C-alpha atoms as a PDB file:
ATOM      1  CA  UNK A   1      47.702  -7.971 -10.485  1.00  0.00           C
ATOM      2  CA  UNK A   2      48.177  -9.088  -6.724  1.00  0.00           C
ATOM      3  CA  UNK A   3      48.299 -12.775  -6.422  1.00  0.00           C
ATOM      4  CA  UNK A   4      45.775 -12.440  -3.910  1.00  0.00           C
ATOM      5  CA  UNK A   5      42.968 -11.204  -6.256  1.00  0.00           C
ATOM      6  CA  UNK A   6      41.148 -14.360  -6.611  1.00  0.00           C
ATOM      7  CA  UNK A   7      38.606 -14.675  -9.830  1.00  0.00           C
ATOM      8  CA  UNK A   8      35.667 -16.960 -10.440  1.00  0.00           C
ATOM      9  CA  UNK A   9      35.049 -17.772 -13.900  1.00  0.00           C
ATOM     10  CA  UNK A  10      31.615 -18.263 -14.871  1.00  0.00           C
ATOM     11  CA  UNK A  11      30.683 -21.838 -15.394  1.00  0.00           C
ATOM     12  CA  UNK A  12      27.216 -22.286 -16.803  1.00  0.00           C
ATOM     13  CA  UNK A  13      23.426 -23.048 -15.128  1.00  0.00           C
ATOM     14  CA  UNK A  14      21.980 -26.024 -13.912  1.00  0.00           C
ATOM     15  CA  UNK A  15      19.963 -26.314 -17.161  1.00  0.00           C
ATOM     16  CA  UNK A  16      23.190 -26.919 -19.217  1.00  0.00           C
ATOM     17  CA  UNK A  17      23.614 -23.388 -20.594  1.00  0.00           C
ATOM     18  CA  UNK A  18      26.901 -22.718 -21.617  1.00  0.00           C
ATOM     19  CA  UNK A  19      28.586 -19.156 -21.008  1.00  0.00           C
ATOM     20  CA  UNK A  20      31.722 -17.666 -22.042  1.00  0.00           C
ATOM     21  CA  UNK A  21      34.184 -18.043 -19.141  1.00  0.00           C
ATOM     22  CA  UNK A  22      34.744 -14.609 -17.822  1.00  0.00           C
ATOM     23  CA  UNK A  23      35.956 -12.527 -14.779  1.00  0.00           C
ATOM     24  CA  UNK A  24      33.616 -11.239 -12.134  1.00  0.00           C
ATOM     25  CA  UNK A  25      33.613  -7.705 -12.624  1.00  0.00           C
ATOM     26  CA  UNK A  26      34.908  -7.742 -16.050  1.00  0.00           C
ATOM     27  CA  UNK A  27      31.737  -6.324 -18.036  1.00  0.00           C
ATOM     28  CA  UNK A  28      33.817  -4.915 -20.800  1.00  0.00           C
ATOM     29  CA  UNK A  29      35.192  -8.401 -21.310  1.00  0.00           C
ATOM     30  CA  UNK A  30      38.791  -7.413 -21.803  1.00  0.00           C
ATOM     31  CA  UNK A  31      40.139 -10.227 -19.446  1.00  0.00           C
ATOM     32  CA  UNK A  32      40.822  -7.489 -16.645  1.00  0.00           C
ATOM     33  CA  UNK A  33      39.015  -5.853 -13.933  1.00  0.00           C
ATOM     34  CA  UNK A  34      39.230  -2.158 -13.693  1.00  0.00           C
ATOM     35  CA  UNK A  35      37.393   1.353 -12.846  1.00  0.00           C
ATOM     36  CA  UNK A  36      35.967   1.245 -16.612  1.00  0.00           C
ATOM     37  CA  UNK A  37      33.916  -1.532 -15.561  1.00  0.00           C
ATOM     38  CA  UNK A  38      32.647  -0.071 -12.193  1.00  0.00           C
ATOM     39  CA  UNK A  39      31.799   3.072 -14.730  1.00  0.00           C
ATOM     40  CA  UNK A  40      29.814   0.948 -16.694  1.00  0.00           C
ATOM     41  CA  UNK A  41      27.863  -0.485 -13.975  1.00  0.00           C
ATOM     42  CA  UNK A  42      27.152   2.722 -12.665  1.00  0.00           C
ATOM     43  CA  UNK A  43      25.707   3.606 -15.937  1.00  0.00           C
ATOM     44  CA  UNK A  44      23.730   0.665 -16.103  1.00  0.00           C
ATOM     45  CA  UNK A  45      22.288   1.290 -12.636  1.00  0.00           C
ATOM     46  CA  UNK A  46      21.001   4.821 -13.772  1.00  0.00           C
ATOM     47  CA  UNK A  47      19.608   3.037 -16.992  1.00  0.00           C
ATOM     48  CA  UNK A  48      22.125   4.720 -19.453  1.00  0.00           C
ATOM     49  CA  UNK A  49      22.466   2.740 -22.727  1.00  0.00           C
ATOM     50  CA  UNK A  50      26.411   1.366 -22.722  1.00  0.00           C
ATOM     51  CA  UNK A  51      26.183  -0.950 -25.686  1.00  0.00           C
ATOM     52  CA  UNK A  52      28.240  -2.800 -27.103  1.00  0.00           C
ATOM     53  CA  UNK A  53      29.687  -3.261 -23.758  1.00  0.00           C
ATOM     54  CA  UNK A  54      26.603  -4.265 -22.012  1.00  0.00           C
ATOM     55  CA  UNK A  55      23.454  -5.739 -23.828  1.00  0.00           C
ATOM     56  CA  UNK A  56      21.626  -7.782 -21.123  1.00  0.00           C
ATOM     57  CA  UNK A  57      22.671 -11.168 -22.221  1.00  0.00           C
ATOM     58  CA  UNK A  58      23.482 -13.588 -19.472  1.00  0.00           C
ATOM     59  CA  UNK A  59      26.976 -13.367 -19.578  1.00  0.00           C
ATOM     60  CA  UNK A  60      27.063  -9.488 -18.960  1.00  0.00           C
ATOM     61  CA  UNK A  61      24.701  -9.405 -16.008  1.00  0.00           C
ATOM     62  CA  UNK A  62      26.479 -12.100 -14.539  1.00  0.00           C
ATOM     63  CA  UNK A  63      29.827 -10.639 -14.860  1.00  0.00           C
ATOM     64  CA  UNK A  64      28.641  -7.318 -13.739  1.00  0.00           C
ATOM     65  CA  UNK A  65      26.485  -9.090 -10.568  1.00  0.00           C
ATOM     66  CA  UNK A  66      29.726  -9.515  -8.171  1.00  0.00           C
ATOM     67  CA  UNK A  67      27.703  -9.355  -5.240  1.00  0.00           C
ATOM     68  CA  UNK A  68      25.942 -12.242  -6.061  1.00  0.00           C
ATOM     69  CA  UNK A  69      22.609 -11.195  -5.317  1.00  0.00           C
ATOM     70  CA  UNK A  70      20.860 -11.829  -8.557  1.00  0.00           C
ATOM     71  CA  UNK A  71      21.088  -8.035  -9.787  1.00  0.00           C
ATOM     72  CA  UNK A  72      23.072  -5.268 -10.973  1.00  0.00           C
ATOM     73  CA  UNK A  73      23.241  -2.328  -9.110  1.00  0.00           C
ATOM     74  CA  UNK A  74      25.644   0.722  -7.907  1.00  0.00           C
ATOM     75  CA  UNK A  75      26.369  -1.524  -5.306  1.00  0.00           C
ATOM     76  CA  UNK A  76      27.972  -3.611  -7.378  1.00  0.00           C
ATOM     77  CA  UNK A  77      29.893  -0.441  -9.013  1.00  0.00           C
ATOM     78  CA  UNK A  78      31.164   0.239  -5.541  1.00  0.00           C
ATOM     79  CA  UNK A  79      32.788  -3.432  -4.958  1.00  0.00           C
ATOM     80  CA  UNK A  80      34.344  -2.960  -8.571  1.00  0.00           C
ATOM     81  CA  UNK A  81      35.910   0.237  -7.462  1.00  0.00           C
ATOM     82  CA  UNK A  82      36.900  -0.787  -4.315  1.00  0.00           C
ATOM     83  CA  UNK A  83      38.387  -4.066  -5.762  1.00  0.00           C
ATOM     84  CA  UNK A  84      40.531  -1.870  -8.608  1.00  0.00           C
ATOM     85  CA  UNK A  85      42.421   0.079  -6.291  1.00  0.00           C
ATOM     86  CA  UNK A  86      42.855  -2.938  -3.793  1.00  0.00           C
ATOM     87  CA  UNK A  87      40.331  -2.028  -1.020  1.00  0.00           C
ATOM     88  CA  UNK A  88      38.840  -5.320  -1.006  1.00  0.00           C
ATOM     89  CA  UNK A  89      40.575  -8.734  -1.960  1.00  0.00           C
ATOM     90  CA  UNK A  90      37.804 -10.312  -3.668  1.00  0.00           C
ATOM     91  CA  UNK A  91      33.781  -9.703  -4.596  1.00  0.00           C
ATOM     92  CA  UNK A  92      31.385 -11.605  -2.534  1.00  0.00           C
ATOM     93  CA  UNK A  93      30.427 -13.710  -5.114  1.00  0.00           C
ATOM     94  CA  UNK A  94      33.841 -15.722  -4.862  1.00  0.00           C
ATOM     95  CA  UNK A  95      32.779 -16.688  -1.761  1.00  0.00           C
ATOM     96  CA  UNK A  96      29.737 -18.567  -3.442  1.00  0.00           C
ATOM     97  CA  UNK A  97      30.272 -22.080  -4.566  1.00  0.00           C
ATOM     98  CA  UNK A  98      28.998 -21.396  -7.889  1.00  0.00           C
ATOM     99  CA  UNK A  99      27.866 -18.069  -9.907  1.00  0.00           C
ATOM    100  CA  UNK A 100      23.895 -18.795  -8.552  1.00  0.00           C
ATOM    101  CA  UNK A 101      22.442 -15.452  -6.942  1.00  0.00           C
ATOM    102  CA  UNK A 102      22.686 -15.065  -3.027  1.00  0.00           C
ATOM    103  CA  UNK A 103      19.919 -13.157  -1.424  1.00  0.00           C
ATOM    104  CA  UNK A 104      21.005  -9.521  -0.461  1.00  0.00           C
ATOM    105  CA  UNK A 105      21.627  -8.797   3.046  1.00  0.00           C
ATOM    106  CA  UNK A 106      19.155  -6.970   5.111  1.00  0.00           C
ATOM    107  CA  UNK A 107      18.850  -3.359   5.753  1.00  0.00           C
ATOM    108  CA  UNK A 108      16.596  -0.754   7.162  1.00  0.00           C
ATOM    109  CA  UNK A 109      16.998   2.598   5.675  1.00  0.00           C
ATOM    110  CA  UNK A 110      14.416   5.134   5.232  1.00  0.00           C
ATOM    111  CA  UNK A 111      14.742   8.216   2.204  1.00  0.00           C
ATOM    112  CA  UNK A 112      13.194  11.494   1.919  1.00  0.00           C
ATOM    113  CA  UNK A 113      13.386  14.522  -0.147  1.00  0.00           C
ATOM    114  CA  UNK A 114      13.216  17.898   1.712  1.00  0.00           C
ATOM    115  CA  UNK A 115      12.980  21.634   0.228  1.00  0.00           C
ATOM    116  CA  UNK A 116      16.684  23.072   1.516  1.00  0.00           C
ATOM    117  CA  UNK A 117      16.482  26.591   0.061  1.00  0.00           C
ATOM    118  CA  UNK A 118      14.644  28.746  -2.629  1.00  0.00           C
ATOM    119  CA  UNK A 119      15.524  31.589  -4.328  1.00  0.00           C
ATOM    120  CA  UNK A 120      13.312  33.270  -7.109  1.00  0.00           C
ATOM    121  CA  UNK A 121      12.377  30.687  -9.092  1.00  0.00           C
ATOM    122  CA  UNK A 122      14.604  28.109  -7.776  1.00  0.00           C
ATOM    123  CA  UNK A 123      14.205  25.272  -5.760  1.00  0.00           C
ATOM    124  CA  UNK A 124      16.756  22.981  -4.327  1.00  0.00           C
ATOM    125  CA  UNK A 125      16.002  19.732  -2.668  1.00  0.00           C
ATOM    126  CA  UNK A 126      18.043  17.136  -0.584  1.00  0.00           C
ATOM    127  CA  UNK A 127      17.929  13.397  -0.373  1.00  0.00           C
ATOM    128  CA  UNK A 128      18.334  12.345   2.764  1.00  0.00           C
ATOM    129  CA  UNK A 129      19.020   8.664   3.797  1.00  0.00           C
ATOM    130  CA  UNK A 130      18.564   7.298   7.442  1.00  0.00           C
ATOM    131  CA  UNK A 131      19.317   3.760   8.515  1.00  0.00           C
ATOM    132  CA  UNK A 132      21.567   1.718  10.943  1.00  0.00           C
ATOM    133  CA  UNK A 133      25.040   2.535  10.193  1.00  0.00           C
ATOM    134  CA  UNK A 134      26.915   3.254   7.130  1.00  0.00           C
ATOM    135  CA  UNK A 135      26.283   2.336   3.309  1.00  0.00           C
ATOM    136  CA  UNK A 136      28.184   2.366   0.117  1.00  0.00           C
ATOM    137  CA  UNK A 137      25.755   2.995  -2.995  1.00  0.00           C
ATOM    138  CA  UNK A 138      22.273   4.163  -3.622  1.00  0.00           C
ATOM    139  CA  UNK A 139      20.101   3.595  -6.954  1.00  0.00           C
ATOM    140  CA  UNK A 140      16.869   5.622  -7.400  1.00  0.00           C
ATOM    141  CA  UNK A 141      14.321   7.434  -9.560  1.00  0.00           C
ATOM    142  CA  UNK A 142      13.150  10.661  -8.713  1.00  0.00           C
ATOM    143  CA  UNK A 143       9.989  12.205 -10.342  1.00  0.00           C
ATOM    144  CA  UNK A 144       8.689  15.591 -10.976  1.00  0.00           C
ATOM    145  CA  UNK A 145       5.777  17.499 -12.981  1.00  0.00           C
ATOM    146  CA  UNK A 146       7.190  18.445 -16.071  1.00  0.00           C
ATOM    147  CA  UNK A 147       4.388  21.207 -16.156  1.00  0.00           C
ATOM    148  CA  UNK A 148       5.709  22.664 -12.859  1.00  0.00           C
ATOM    149  CA  UNK A 149       9.476  21.909 -12.950  1.00  0.00           C
ATOM    150  CA  UNK A 150      12.460  21.902 -15.157  1.00  0.00           C
ATOM    151  CA  UNK A 151      15.739  20.585 -13.837  1.00  0.00           C
ATOM    152  CA  UNK A 152      18.633  22.690 -13.581  1.00  0.00           C
ATOM    153  CA  UNK A 153      21.221  19.807 -11.879  1.00  0.00           C
ATOM    154  CA  UNK A 154      21.517  16.441 -10.106  1.00  0.00           C
ATOM    155  CA  UNK A 155      24.592  15.995  -8.512  1.00  0.00           C
ATOM    156  CA  UNK A 156      25.750  14.252  -5.389  1.00  0.00           C
ATOM    157  CA  UNK A 157      25.639  16.406  -2.048  1.00  0.00           C
ATOM    158  CA  UNK A 158      29.262  15.657  -1.218  1.00  0.00           C
ATOM    159  CA  UNK A 159      32.103  16.837  -2.987  1.00  0.00           C
ATOM    160  CA  UNK A 160      34.335  13.613  -2.580  1.00  0.00           C
ATOM    161  CA  UNK A 161      36.907  12.012  -5.150  1.00  0.00           C
ATOM    162  CA  UNK A 162      35.693   8.685  -3.388  1.00  0.00           C
ATOM    163  CA  UNK A 163      32.079   9.360  -5.017  1.00  0.00           C
ATOM    164  CA  UNK A 164      30.817   8.267  -8.533  1.00  0.00           C
ATOM    165  CA  UNK A 165      27.997   9.167 -10.019  1.00  0.00           C
ATOM    166  CA  UNK A 166      25.853   8.926 -13.152  1.00  0.00           C
ATOM    167  CA  UNK A 167      22.463  10.408 -14.167  1.00  0.00           C
ATOM    168  CA  UNK A 168      20.033   9.477 -16.908  1.00  0.00           C
ATOM    169  CA  UNK A 169      17.193  12.219 -17.483  1.00  0.00           C
ATOM    170  CA  UNK A 170      13.717  11.743 -19.023  1.00  0.00           C
ATOM    171  CA  UNK A 171      11.174  14.541 -19.492  1.00  0.00           C
ATOM    172  CA  UNK A 172       9.379  13.344 -16.216  1.00  0.00           C
ATOM    173  CA  UNK A 173      11.902  11.528 -14.031  1.00  0.00           C
ATOM    174  CA  UNK A 174      15.397  11.473 -13.231  1.00  0.00           C
ATOM    175  CA  UNK A 175      17.577   7.931 -12.705  1.00  0.00           C
ATOM    176  CA  UNK A 176      20.422   8.095 -10.644  1.00  0.00           C
ATOM    177  CA  UNK A 177      23.181   5.979  -9.611  1.00  0.00           C
ATOM    178  CA  UNK A 178      25.734   6.490  -7.030  1.00  0.00           C
ATOM    179  CA  UNK A 179      28.945   4.622  -5.931  1.00  0.00           C
ATOM    180  CA  UNK A 180      31.281   5.259  -3.278  1.00  0.00           C
ATOM    181  CA  UNK A 181      34.438   3.831  -2.447  1.00  0.00           C
ATOM    182  CA  UNK A 182      34.202   4.549   1.051  1.00  0.00           C
ATOM    183  CA  UNK A 183      31.409   4.022   3.428  1.00  0.00           C
ATOM    184  CA  UNK A 184      28.512   6.959   3.649  1.00  0.00           C
ATOM    185  CA  UNK A 185      26.773   7.934   7.093  1.00  0.00           C
ATOM    186  CA  UNK A 186      23.088   8.706   6.895  1.00  0.00           C
ATOM    187  CA  UNK A 187      21.564  11.612   7.854  1.00  0.00           C
ATOM    188  CA  UNK A 188      23.615  13.679   6.040  1.00  0.00           C
ATOM    189  CA  UNK A 189      22.253  15.036   2.604  1.00  0.00           C
ATOM    190  CA  UNK A 190      23.063  12.426  -0.115  1.00  0.00           C
ATOM    191  CA  UNK A 191      21.733  13.891  -3.465  1.00  0.00           C
ATOM    192  CA  UNK A 192      21.045  17.701  -4.549  1.00  0.00           C
ATOM    193  CA  UNK A 193      18.632  18.373  -6.738  1.00  0.00           C
ATOM    194  CA  UNK A 194      18.214  21.877  -8.490  1.00  0.00           C
ATOM    195  CA  UNK A 195      14.896  22.765 -10.092  1.00  0.00           C
ATOM    196  CA  UNK A 196      13.050  25.868 -11.654  1.00  0.00           C
ATOM    197  CA  UNK A 197       9.728  26.942 -11.624  1.00  0.00           C
ATOM    198  CA  UNK A 198       7.788  27.230 -14.256  1.00  0.00           C
ATOM    199  CA  UNK A 199       4.650  28.747 -12.500  1.00  0.00           C
ATOM    200  CA  UNK A 200       3.858  30.476  -9.413  1.00  0.00           C
ATOM    201  CA  UNK A 201       1.912  27.307  -7.861  1.00  0.00           C
ATOM    202  CA  UNK A 202       5.149  24.680  -8.497  1.00  0.00           C
ATOM    203  CA  UNK A 203       5.823  24.457  -4.895  1.00  0.00           C
ATOM    204  CA  UNK A 204       2.461  22.857  -4.471  1.00  0.00           C
ATOM    205  CA  UNK A 205       3.701  19.759  -6.757  1.00  0.00           C
ATOM    206  CA  UNK A 206       7.322  18.838  -4.963  1.00  0.00           C
ATOM    207  CA  UNK A 207       9.278  16.456  -6.579  1.00  0.00           C
ATOM    208  CA  UNK A 208       9.002  12.900  -4.983  1.00  0.00           C
ATOM    209  CA  UNK A 209      11.128   9.777  -4.425  1.00  0.00           C
ATOM    210  CA  UNK A 210       9.733   7.233  -7.209  1.00  0.00           C
ATOM    211  CA  UNK A 211      11.843   4.537  -6.141  1.00  0.00           C
ATOM    212  CA  UNK A 212      15.360   4.001  -4.020  1.00  0.00           C
ATOM    213  CA  UNK A 213      17.734   1.623  -3.212  1.00  0.00           C
ATOM    214  CA  UNK A 214      20.398   1.517  -0.817  1.00  0.00           C
ATOM    215  CA  UNK A 215      23.061  -1.156  -0.946  1.00  0.00           C
ATOM    216  CA  UNK A 216      20.637  -3.307  -2.896  1.00  0.00           C
ATOM    217  CA  UNK A 217      17.891  -3.238   0.081  1.00  0.00           C
ATOM    218  CA  UNK A 218      14.714  -0.895  -0.827  1.00  0.00           C
ATOM    219  CA  UNK A 219      14.260   2.007   1.088  1.00  0.00           C
ATOM    220  CA  UNK A 220      11.238   3.016   3.068  1.00  0.00           C
ATOM    221  CA  UNK A 221      10.436   5.835   0.813  1.00  0.00           C
ATOM    222  CA  UNK A 222       8.523   9.161   2.625  1.00  0.00           C
ATOM    223  CA  UNK A 223       6.326  11.705   0.617  1.00  0.00           C
ATOM    224  CA  UNK A 224       8.021  14.896   0.372  1.00  0.00           C
ATOM    225  CA  UNK A 225       7.507  17.471   2.927  1.00  0.00           C
ATOM    226  CA  UNK A 226       5.193  15.050   5.317  1.00  0.00           C
ATOM    227  CA  UNK A 227       6.181  12.110   7.557  1.00  0.00           C
ATOM    228  CA  UNK A 228       4.103   9.504   5.908  1.00  0.00           C
ATOM    229  CA  UNK A 229       5.270   6.786   3.836  1.00  0.00           C
ATOM    230  CA  UNK A 230       4.883   6.701  -0.176  1.00  0.00           C
ATOM    231  CA  UNK A 231       1.021   6.881  -0.576  1.00  0.00           C
ATOM    232  CA  UNK A 232      -1.379   8.020  -3.393  1.00  0.00           C
ATOM    233  CA  UNK A 233      -1.364  12.056  -3.263  1.00  0.00           C
ATOM    234  CA  UNK A 234      -4.020  14.323  -4.414  1.00  0.00           C
ATOM    235  CA  UNK A 235      -2.024  17.248  -5.500  1.00  0.00           C
ATOM    236  CA  UNK A 236      -4.880  19.760  -6.816  1.00  0.00           C
ATOM    237  CA  UNK A 237      -7.078  20.761  -9.470  1.00  0.00           C
ATOM    238  CA  UNK A 238      -6.957  23.005 -12.675  1.00  0.00           C
ATOM    239  CA  UNK A 239      -7.628  25.260 -14.380  1.00  0.00           C
ATOM    240  CA  UNK A 240     -10.603  26.361 -11.976  1.00  0.00           C
ATOM    241  CA  UNK A 241     -12.639  27.732 -13.830  1.00  0.00           C
ATOM    242  CA  UNK A 242     -12.439  25.738 -16.992  1.00  0.00           C
ATOM    243  CA  UNK A 243     -14.215  25.503 -20.387  1.00  0.00           C
ATOM    244  CA  UNK A 244     -13.235  22.111 -22.178  1.00  0.00           C
ATOM    245  CA  UNK A 245     -11.545  20.279 -19.512  1.00  0.00           C
ATOM    246  CA  UNK A 246     -10.255  19.993 -15.977  1.00  0.00           C
ATOM    247  CA  UNK A 247      -7.127  17.970 -14.536  1.00  0.00           C
ATOM    248  CA  UNK A 248      -6.944  16.643 -10.943  1.00  0.00           C
ATOM    249  CA  UNK A 249      -3.152  15.871 -10.469  1.00  0.00           C
ATOM    250  CA  UNK A 250      -1.926  12.830  -8.287  1.00  0.00           C
ATOM    251  CA  UNK A 251       1.647  11.334  -7.070  1.00  0.00           C
ATOM    252  CA  UNK A 252       1.356   7.543  -7.334  1.00  0.00           C
ATOM    253  CA  UNK A 253       4.145   5.837  -6.092  1.00  0.00           C
ATOM    254  CA  UNK A 254       6.240   2.851  -7.881  1.00  0.00           C
ATOM    255  CA  UNK A 255       5.476   0.511  -4.835  1.00  0.00           C
ATOM    256  CA  UNK A 256       1.696  -0.205  -5.473  1.00  0.00           C
ATOM    257  CA  UNK A 257       1.861  -3.015  -3.041  1.00  0.00           C
ATOM    258  CA  UNK A 258      -0.497  -1.219  -0.161  1.00  0.00           C
ATOM    259  CA  UNK A 259      -1.821   1.492  -2.663  1.00  0.00           C
ATOM    260  CA  UNK A 260      -5.533   2.188  -3.719  1.00  0.00           C
ATOM    261  CA  UNK A 261      -6.579   3.530  -7.063  1.00  0.00           C
ATOM    262  CA  UNK A 262      -8.212   6.814  -6.873  1.00  0.00           C
ATOM    263  CA  UNK A 263     -11.524   7.706  -7.757  1.00  0.00           C
ATOM    264  CA  UNK A 264     -13.135  11.042  -8.684  1.00  0.00           C
ATOM    265  CA  UNK A 265     -17.281  11.147  -8.072  1.00  0.00           C
ATOM    266  CA  UNK A 266     -18.564  14.437 -10.027  1.00  0.00           C
ATOM    267  CA  UNK A 267     -21.892  15.906  -8.363  1.00  0.00           C
ATOM    268  CA  UNK A 268     -24.030  18.646  -9.275  1.00  0.00           C
ATOM    269  CA  UNK A 269     -25.327  21.277  -6.947  1.00  0.00           C
ATOM    270  CA  UNK A 270     -28.400  19.168  -6.447  1.00  0.00           C
ATOM    271  CA  UNK A 271     -26.582  15.969  -5.315  1.00  0.00           C
ATOM    272  CA  UNK A 272     -26.978  14.243  -8.508  1.00  0.00           C
ATOM    273  CA  UNK A 273     -23.979  11.998  -9.682  1.00  0.00           C
ATOM    274  CA  UNK A 274     -22.901  13.120 -13.132  1.00  0.00           C
ATOM    275  CA  UNK A 275     -19.781  10.967 -13.480  1.00  0.00           C
ATOM    276  CA  UNK A 276     -17.593   8.551 -11.823  1.00  0.00           C
ATOM    277  CA  UNK A 277     -13.866   8.630 -12.876  1.00  0.00           C
ATOM    278  CA  UNK A 278     -11.310   5.697 -11.984  1.00  0.00           C
ATOM    279  CA  UNK A 279      -7.736   6.034 -13.384  1.00  0.00           C
ATOM    280  CA  UNK A 280      -6.390   3.135 -11.940  1.00  0.00           C
ATOM    281  CA  UNK A 281      -2.964   2.697 -11.145  1.00  0.00           C
ATOM    282  CA  UNK A 282      -0.843   1.733 -14.435  1.00  0.00           C
ATOM    283  CA  UNK A 283       1.113   4.960 -14.505  1.00  0.00           C
ATOM    284  CA  UNK A 284       3.545   5.960 -11.669  1.00  0.00           C
ATOM    285  CA  UNK A 285       4.958   9.363 -10.797  1.00  0.00           C
ATOM    286  CA  UNK A 286       2.868  12.663 -11.319  1.00  0.00           C
ATOM    287  CA  UNK A 287      -0.595  11.795 -13.204  1.00  0.00           C
ATOM    288  CA  UNK A 288      -2.761  13.883 -14.882  1.00  0.00           C
ATOM    289  CA  UNK A 289      -6.730  12.668 -14.439  1.00  0.00           C
ATOM    290  CA  UNK A 290      -8.764  14.809 -17.045  1.00  0.00           C
ATOM    291  CA  UNK A 291     -12.344  15.210 -16.825  1.00  0.00           C
ATOM    292  CA  UNK A 292     -13.673  16.567 -20.452  1.00  0.00           C
ATOM    293  CA  UNK A 293     -16.755  18.216 -18.865  1.00  0.00           C
ATOM    294  CA  UNK A 294     -19.253  15.472 -19.771  1.00  0.00           C
ATOM    295  CA  UNK A 295     -21.779  13.313 -18.047  1.00  0.00           C
ATOM    296  CA  UNK A 296     -21.925   9.413 -17.711  1.00  0.00           C
ATOM    297  CA  UNK A 297     -23.714   9.605 -21.135  1.00  0.00           C
ATOM    298  CA  UNK A 298     -20.936  11.716 -23.058  1.00  0.00           C
ATOM    299  CA  UNK A 299     -23.159  14.617 -22.975  1.00  0.00           C
ATOM    300  CA  UNK A 300     -21.608  18.048 -22.276  1.00  0.00           C
ATOM    301  CA  UNK A 301     -22.436  19.405 -18.935  1.00  0.00           C
ATOM    302  CA  UNK A 302     -24.189  22.805 -18.350  1.00  0.00           C
ATOM    303  CA  UNK A 303     -22.440  25.423 -17.073  1.00  0.00           C
ATOM    304  CA  UNK A 304     -22.349  26.079 -13.046  1.00  0.00           C
ATOM    305  CA  UNK A 305     -20.671  24.735 -10.070  1.00  0.00           C
ATOM    306  CA  UNK A 306     -19.836  21.107  -9.469  1.00  0.00           C
ATOM    307  CA  UNK A 307     -18.259  18.973  -6.630  1.00  0.00           C
ATOM    308  CA  UNK A 308     -15.723  16.460  -7.098  1.00  0.00           C
ATOM    309  CA  UNK A 309     -15.185  13.728  -4.415  1.00  0.00           C
ATOM    310  CA  UNK A 310     -11.739  12.596  -4.678  1.00  0.00           C
ATOM    311  CA  UNK A 311     -11.095   9.481  -2.791  1.00  0.00           C
ATOM    312  CA  UNK A 312      -7.318   8.207  -2.864  1.00  0.00           C
ATOM    313  CA  UNK A 313      -5.942   5.927  -0.310  1.00  0.00           C
ATOM    314  CA  UNK A 314      -8.197   6.293   3.427  1.00  0.00           C
ATOM    315  CA  UNK A 315      -8.271  10.390   2.386  1.00  0.00           C
ATOM    316  CA  UNK A 316     -11.390  11.616   0.676  1.00  0.00           C
ATOM    317  CA  UNK A 317     -11.513  15.332  -0.278  1.00  0.00           C
ATOM    318  CA  UNK A 318     -14.129  17.218  -2.091  1.00  0.00           C
ATOM    319  CA  UNK A 319     -12.997  19.926  -4.712  1.00  0.00           C
ATOM    320  CA  UNK A 320     -15.101  22.505  -6.064  1.00  0.00           C
ATOM    321  CA  UNK A 321     -15.014  22.915  -9.978  1.00  0.00           C
ATOM    322  CA  UNK A 322     -16.707  25.753 -12.120  1.00  0.00           C
ATOM    323  CA  UNK A 323     -17.623  25.288 -15.788  1.00  0.00           C
ATOM    324  CA  UNK A 324     -17.916  27.996 -17.895  1.00  0.00           C
ATOM    325  CA  UNK A 325     -19.037  27.307 -21.565  1.00  0.00           C
END
């Protein structure tokens, strides 16, 4: 190991708790820092289970947090990769007097998914990051309606040996972590998501960015296909006509700090209110809100035309729904 590389062993915290001495970046606890440790951090950022190397105990998280901002992200993986090949002589946390967290540096980035191409039932979306200057890493979660799409692949848009990538799939969302040993330029496609449509109107419910970080700073997320920041979006109603129940589809962003919960009010043709549905904001991503075809007293409504007044954010839409018994 080059003598210029400086390690800072973990000592403990002000409460007197003792930690096992460890090297910053040595997540595997084998007394050396290597690209394997960077791969472990990358997989942690993508929400993969990598026990027994990492169990969320204090020693693990502090060893992995080489930036010293109090969190583990793909930016830490990028630092470890760069350190292991000698591109940087030390970690940012080495410059601190202790292991206590340092605030993350400011960054202004905007992220959006755009439809790049379609062929038959295949849809290709690209993630673009816009900001001032370059960056080294990105952590994110992409959400999609599993009744509309299935995943074919998620991969870096650039074929570059400097880029390291990890993915964790779930039925309705994908977590990813990307780290690079070279600076990445904004405006160029970063991630490419390939989906196959399960139904004809799949394009009406495009995938969305649930959350995204760039170099440990949260990015402003734009709603796919629109020039507005992530808010509650109404995506349609189906089946229509309906018999037993009808489903109202919404997209709810992960950041709910400036979000108003949607509200659905059902009226009959005479203008009488039949039912009010308030689904709340407990879930995020693609959310299905169901009306069971019953009034506020729990009795099934009669066959006929009904109007759903749907309020989401500052928007109001009226949808016609037909009940057929």
